[in-house]
């Protein structure tokens, strides 16, 4: 069934090499996108819990905008609209970037900002799930606001939300497929090219499906190991679920 993958395409490479090339771009988008999204998520998530109303409002605006707009629309905005909004010299340089970089960087920004908004909500939930005494005890020890978050709240929150971050890690791999709409030849785009050239649709997308499945399982095992290694003794995730159930009612209160 998969014998077609060992045949050669118009460029002299085997179709398996096409898939591996697409896998490389998928991994690059997912890994770098997750790193940026994690940094954004921590920053915005902390901003959602501080006492400063302006910072909370800006952080919430970011989350509502980037989390609720479909990732495909955001991909088009970063690729087609942003160069037109920038000064002409900068916009023209962006549009003249050689392939695949002209599509890779907008896709990376899109996935980073979109996933970062989702991670921010996880971080906020983790911080709010911690007992109020954690913040009070840290303040009693003389720690200022920055040190309270950096040394006490954020480290515990991150350990608490590792299971819920698993879905975001796995999700960013799947969302990389949206980059094919702006011309990046990642894994799904390469499978589509193989299908169009050989008419072996089942073999092309079947192989891509198995690769995505392998990536998802690897991400799941990695996050499970991290959860076991960094789990807070005696803490469960029931508190997070209770916070999520109470949160909408509390936010609707004037």
Protein backbone atom coordinates (compact mmCIF):
# COMPACT_ATOMS: atom_id res chain seq x y z
CA UNK A 1 0.00 0.00 0.00
CA UNK A 2 2.78 2.41 0.90
CA UNK A 3 5.07 1.26 -1.89
CA UNK A 4 4.35 4.47 -3.80
CA UNK A 5 6.31 6.38 -1.16
CA UNK A 6 9.53 4.82 -2.46
CA UNK A 7 8.93 5.98 -6.02
CA UNK A 8 10.59 9.16 -7.25
CA UNK A 9 8.82 12.40 -7.97
CA UNK A 10 9.53 15.08 -10.56
CA UNK A 11 12.46 16.47 -8.53
CA UNK A 12 14.26 13.14 -8.24
CA UNK A 13 13.46 12.62 -4.58
CA UNK A 14 11.29 9.80 -3.30
CA UNK A 15 7.85 10.65 -2.00
CA UNK A 16 8.98 9.45 1.40
CA UNK A 17 11.60 12.20 1.32
CA UNK A 18 8.83 14.66 0.50
CA UNK A 19 6.99 13.57 3.62
CA UNK A 20 10.12 13.77 5.76
CA UNK A 21 10.77 17.28 4.43
CA UNK A 22 7.22 18.25 5.39
CA UNK A 23 7.70 16.63 8.79
CA UNK A 24 10.77 18.80 9.35
CA UNK A 25 8.79 22.00 8.74
CA UNK A 26 5.95 20.71 10.90
CA UNK A 27 8.34 20.03 13.78
CA UNK A 28 10.04 23.41 13.33
CA UNK A 29 6.71 25.22 13.47
CA UNK A 30 5.47 23.19 16.43
CA UNK A 31 8.64 23.36 18.55
CA UNK A 32 9.47 27.02 18.02
CA UNK A 33 5.79 27.97 18.11
CA UNK A 34 5.35 26.19 21.43
CA UNK A 35 8.40 27.91 22.94
CA UNK A 36 7.07 31.35 22.00
CA UNK A 37 3.52 30.40 23.01
CA UNK A 38 4.73 29.19 26.42
CA UNK A 39 6.51 32.50 27.07
CA UNK A 40 3.48 34.49 25.90
CA UNK A 41 1.11 32.31 27.90
CA UNK A 42 3.01 32.78 31.16
CA UNK A 43 3.23 36.55 30.68
CA UNK A 44 -0.42 37.03 29.74
CA UNK A 45 -1.64 34.47 32.26
CA UNK A 46 0.11 36.31 35.07
CA UNK A 47 -1.32 39.57 33.73
CA UNK A 48 -4.81 38.07 34.07
CA UNK A 49 -4.34 37.62 37.82
CA UNK A 50 -2.55 40.79 38.94
CA UNK A 51 -4.36 43.47 40.93
CA UNK A 52 -3.71 46.23 38.37
CA UNK A 53 -6.99 46.64 36.46
CA UNK A 54 -5.35 48.06 33.35
CA UNK A 55 -2.94 45.13 33.04
CA UNK A 56 -5.79 42.67 33.63
CA UNK A 57 -7.89 44.37 30.95
CA UNK A 58 -5.07 44.29 28.38
CA UNK A 59 -4.32 40.64 29.14
CA UNK A 60 -7.97 39.69 28.87
CA UNK A 61 -8.34 41.60 25.60
CA UNK A 62 -5.39 39.66 24.17
CA UNK A 63 -6.91 36.34 25.20
CA UNK A 64 -10.37 37.15 23.86
CA UNK A 65 -9.03 38.35 20.51
CA UNK A 66 -6.52 35.62 19.75
CA UNK A 67 -8.41 32.71 21.29
CA UNK A 68 -11.78 33.41 19.65
CA UNK A 69 -10.72 34.26 16.09
CA UNK A 70 -10.29 31.10 13.97
CA UNK A 71 -6.66 30.18 13.45
CA UNK A 72 -7.18 30.11 9.66
CA UNK A 73 -8.33 33.75 9.68
CA UNK A 74 -5.36 34.72 11.83
CA UNK A 75 -3.03 32.94 9.42
CA UNK A 76 -4.37 35.01 6.53
CA UNK A 77 -4.12 38.23 8.55
CA UNK A 78 -0.47 37.69 9.39
CA UNK A 79 0.40 36.64 5.84
CA UNK A 80 -1.71 38.93 3.65
CA UNK A 81 -2.79 41.89 5.80
CA UNK A 82 0.17 42.67 8.06
CA UNK A 83 2.64 43.56 5.23
CA UNK A 84 0.07 46.05 3.89
CA UNK A 85 -0.28 47.77 7.27
CA UNK A 86 3.45 48.24 7.82
CA UNK A 87 5.51 51.03 6.22
CA UNK A 88 6.04 50.28 2.50
CA UNK A 89 9.77 49.52 2.81
CA UNK A 90 9.25 47.02 5.61
CA UNK A 91 6.14 45.51 4.02
CA UNK A 92 7.91 45.00 0.69
CA UNK A 93 10.86 43.31 2.38
CA UNK A 94 8.50 40.91 4.14
CA UNK A 95 6.69 40.09 0.89
CA UNK A 96 10.00 39.51 -0.88
CA UNK A 97 11.30 36.95 1.61
CA UNK A 98 12.37 33.84 -0.31
CA UNK A 99 10.34 30.65 0.12
CA UNK A 100 9.76 28.95 2.44
CA UNK A 101 10.65 31.72 4.91
CA UNK A 102 8.03 34.09 3.53
CA UNK A 103 5.36 31.63 4.71
CA UNK A 104 7.19 30.14 7.69
CA UNK A 105 7.51 33.32 9.75
CA UNK A 106 3.84 34.42 9.45
CA UNK A 107 2.78 30.86 10.31
CA UNK A 108 5.11 30.85 13.30
CA UNK A 109 3.74 34.17 14.58
CA UNK A 110 0.17 32.97 14.06
CA UNK A 111 0.61 29.69 15.94
CA UNK A 112 2.58 31.37 18.72
CA UNK A 113 -0.01 34.08 19.41
CA UNK A 114 -2.99 31.75 19.05
CA UNK A 115 -1.59 29.01 21.26
CA UNK A 116 -0.19 31.60 23.68
CA UNK A 117 -3.72 32.87 24.35
CA UNK A 118 -4.88 29.33 25.16
CA UNK A 119 -1.88 28.68 27.41
CA UNK A 120 -2.53 31.98 29.20
CA UNK A 121 -5.93 30.71 30.32
CA UNK A 122 -4.34 27.54 31.62
CA UNK A 123 -1.78 29.56 33.57
CA UNK A 124 -4.49 31.83 34.99
CA UNK A 125 -6.49 28.81 36.09
CA UNK A 126 -3.45 27.25 37.72
CA UNK A 127 -2.63 30.41 39.67
CA UNK A 128 -6.22 30.84 40.84
CA UNK A 129 -6.34 27.20 41.88
CA UNK A 130 -3.59 27.75 44.44
CA UNK A 131 -4.66 28.48 48.03
CA UNK A 132 -4.90 32.19 48.84
CA UNK A 133 -2.53 31.61 51.73
CA UNK A 134 0.34 31.09 49.29
CA UNK A 135 0.30 34.74 48.23
CA UNK A 136 -0.29 35.97 51.78
CA UNK A 137 2.53 33.90 53.23
CA UNK A 138 4.94 35.12 50.55
CA UNK A 139 3.97 38.73 51.24
CA UNK A 140 4.46 38.15 54.96
CA UNK A 141 8.01 37.01 54.22
CA UNK A 142 8.70 40.37 52.59
CA UNK A 143 8.55 39.33 48.93
CA UNK A 144 7.33 41.95 46.47
CA UNK A 145 4.76 41.26 43.76
CA UNK A 146 7.26 40.19 41.11
CA UNK A 147 9.04 37.76 43.42
CA UNK A 148 5.75 36.34 44.68
CA UNK A 149 4.84 35.35 41.14
CA UNK A 150 8.34 34.32 40.06
CA UNK A 151 9.29 32.28 43.12
CA UNK A 152 5.97 31.07 44.56
CA UNK A 153 2.89 31.22 42.38
CA UNK A 154 4.04 30.57 38.81
CA UNK A 155 6.29 27.55 39.57
CA UNK A 156 3.48 25.83 41.45
CA UNK A 157 0.86 26.75 38.85
CA UNK A 158 2.97 25.35 36.01
CA UNK A 159 3.39 22.06 37.84
CA UNK A 160 -0.34 21.92 38.47
CA UNK A 161 -1.42 22.53 34.85
CA UNK A 162 0.91 20.11 33.07
CA UNK A 163 -1.94 17.63 32.31
CA UNK A 164 -4.11 20.35 30.77
CA UNK A 165 -1.14 21.66 28.75
CA UNK A 166 -0.90 18.25 27.07
CA UNK A 167 -3.82 19.08 24.80
CA UNK A 168 -2.18 22.38 23.80
CA UNK A 169 1.10 20.64 22.95
CA UNK A 170 -0.74 18.10 20.83
CA UNK A 171 -2.97 20.80 19.33
CA UNK A 172 -0.12 22.89 17.98
CA UNK A 173 1.08 19.92 15.92
CA UNK A 174 -2.37 19.66 14.33
CA UNK A 175 -2.66 23.41 13.77
CA UNK A 176 0.56 23.47 11.75
CA UNK A 177 -1.45 21.96 8.90
CA UNK A 178 -3.21 25.32 8.46
CA UNK A 179 0.09 26.72 7.16
CA UNK A 180 -0.48 24.92 3.86
CA UNK A 181 -3.04 27.62 3.02
CA UNK A 182 -0.25 30.19 2.72
CA UNK A 183 2.09 27.94 0.78
CA UNK A 184 4.28 26.31 3.42
CA UNK A 185 5.04 22.73 2.40
CA UNK A 186 4.59 21.12 5.79
CA UNK A 187 3.44 17.53 6.30
CA UNK A 188 -0.18 17.87 5.15
CA UNK A 189 0.81 19.98 2.13
CA UNK A 190 3.37 17.38 1.08
CA UNK A 191 0.79 14.60 1.44
CA UNK A 192 -1.58 16.57 -0.77
CA UNK A 193 1.16 17.04 -3.37
CA UNK A 194 1.90 13.32 -3.39
CA UNK A 195 -1.82 12.61 -3.79
CA UNK A 196 -2.14 15.01 -6.72
CA UNK A 197 0.92 13.62 -8.51
CA UNK A 198 0.34 9.91 -7.98
CA UNK A 199 -3.45 9.73 -7.38
CA UNK A 200 -2.59 7.48 -4.42
CA UNK A 201 -4.65 9.50 -1.95
CA UNK A 202 -5.04 6.73 0.61
CA UNK A 203 -1.32 5.99 0.77
CA UNK A 204 -0.29 9.67 0.94
CA UNK A 205 -2.71 10.74 3.65
CA UNK A 206 -2.53 7.40 5.42
CA UNK A 207 1.22 7.87 5.88
CA UNK A 208 0.67 11.45 7.04
CA UNK A 209 -1.96 10.26 9.50
CA UNK A 210 0.42 7.71 10.99
CA UNK A 211 3.10 10.38 11.37
CA UNK A 212 0.68 12.75 13.11
CA UNK A 213 -0.40 9.90 15.37
CA UNK A 214 3.21 9.19 16.25
CA UNK A 215 3.80 12.87 17.07
CA UNK A 216 0.71 12.96 19.27
CA UNK A 217 1.70 9.83 21.16
CA UNK A 218 5.23 11.13 21.67
CA UNK A 219 3.89 14.43 22.99
CA UNK A 220 1.50 12.58 25.29
CA UNK A 221 4.25 10.39 26.72
CA UNK A 222 6.53 13.38 27.24
CA UNK A 223 3.86 15.36 29.07
CA UNK A 224 2.91 12.32 31.16
CA UNK A 225 6.53 11.96 32.20
CA UNK A 226 6.74 15.65 33.07
CA UNK A 227 3.54 15.39 35.10
CA UNK A 228 4.90 12.45 37.09
CA UNK A 229 8.26 14.14 37.59
CA UNK A 230 6.95 17.54 38.71
CA UNK A 231 3.58 16.76 40.28
CA UNK A 232 2.97 18.60 43.55
CA UNK A 233 2.58 15.98 46.31
CA UNK A 234 -0.96 15.83 47.64
CA UNK A 235 -2.40 18.14 44.96
CA UNK A 236 -5.12 17.00 42.57
CA UNK A 237 -6.73 18.65 39.58
CA UNK A 238 -10.20 18.78 41.12
CA UNK A 239 -9.51 22.31 42.30
CA UNK A 240 -8.84 23.43 38.72
CA UNK A 241 -12.09 21.91 37.54
CA UNK A 242 -14.02 23.64 40.33
CA UNK A 243 -12.40 26.97 39.44
CA UNK A 244 -13.41 26.54 35.80
CA UNK A 245 -17.00 25.81 36.79
CA UNK A 246 -17.22 28.83 39.06
CA UNK A 247 -15.34 31.27 36.84
CA UNK A 248 -18.09 32.17 34.28
CA UNK A 249 -20.58 32.99 37.04
CA UNK A 250 -18.04 35.12 38.87
CA UNK A 251 -17.02 37.05 35.75
CA UNK A 252 -20.65 37.82 34.94
CA UNK A 253 -21.16 39.47 38.32
CA UNK A 254 -21.14 43.28 37.90
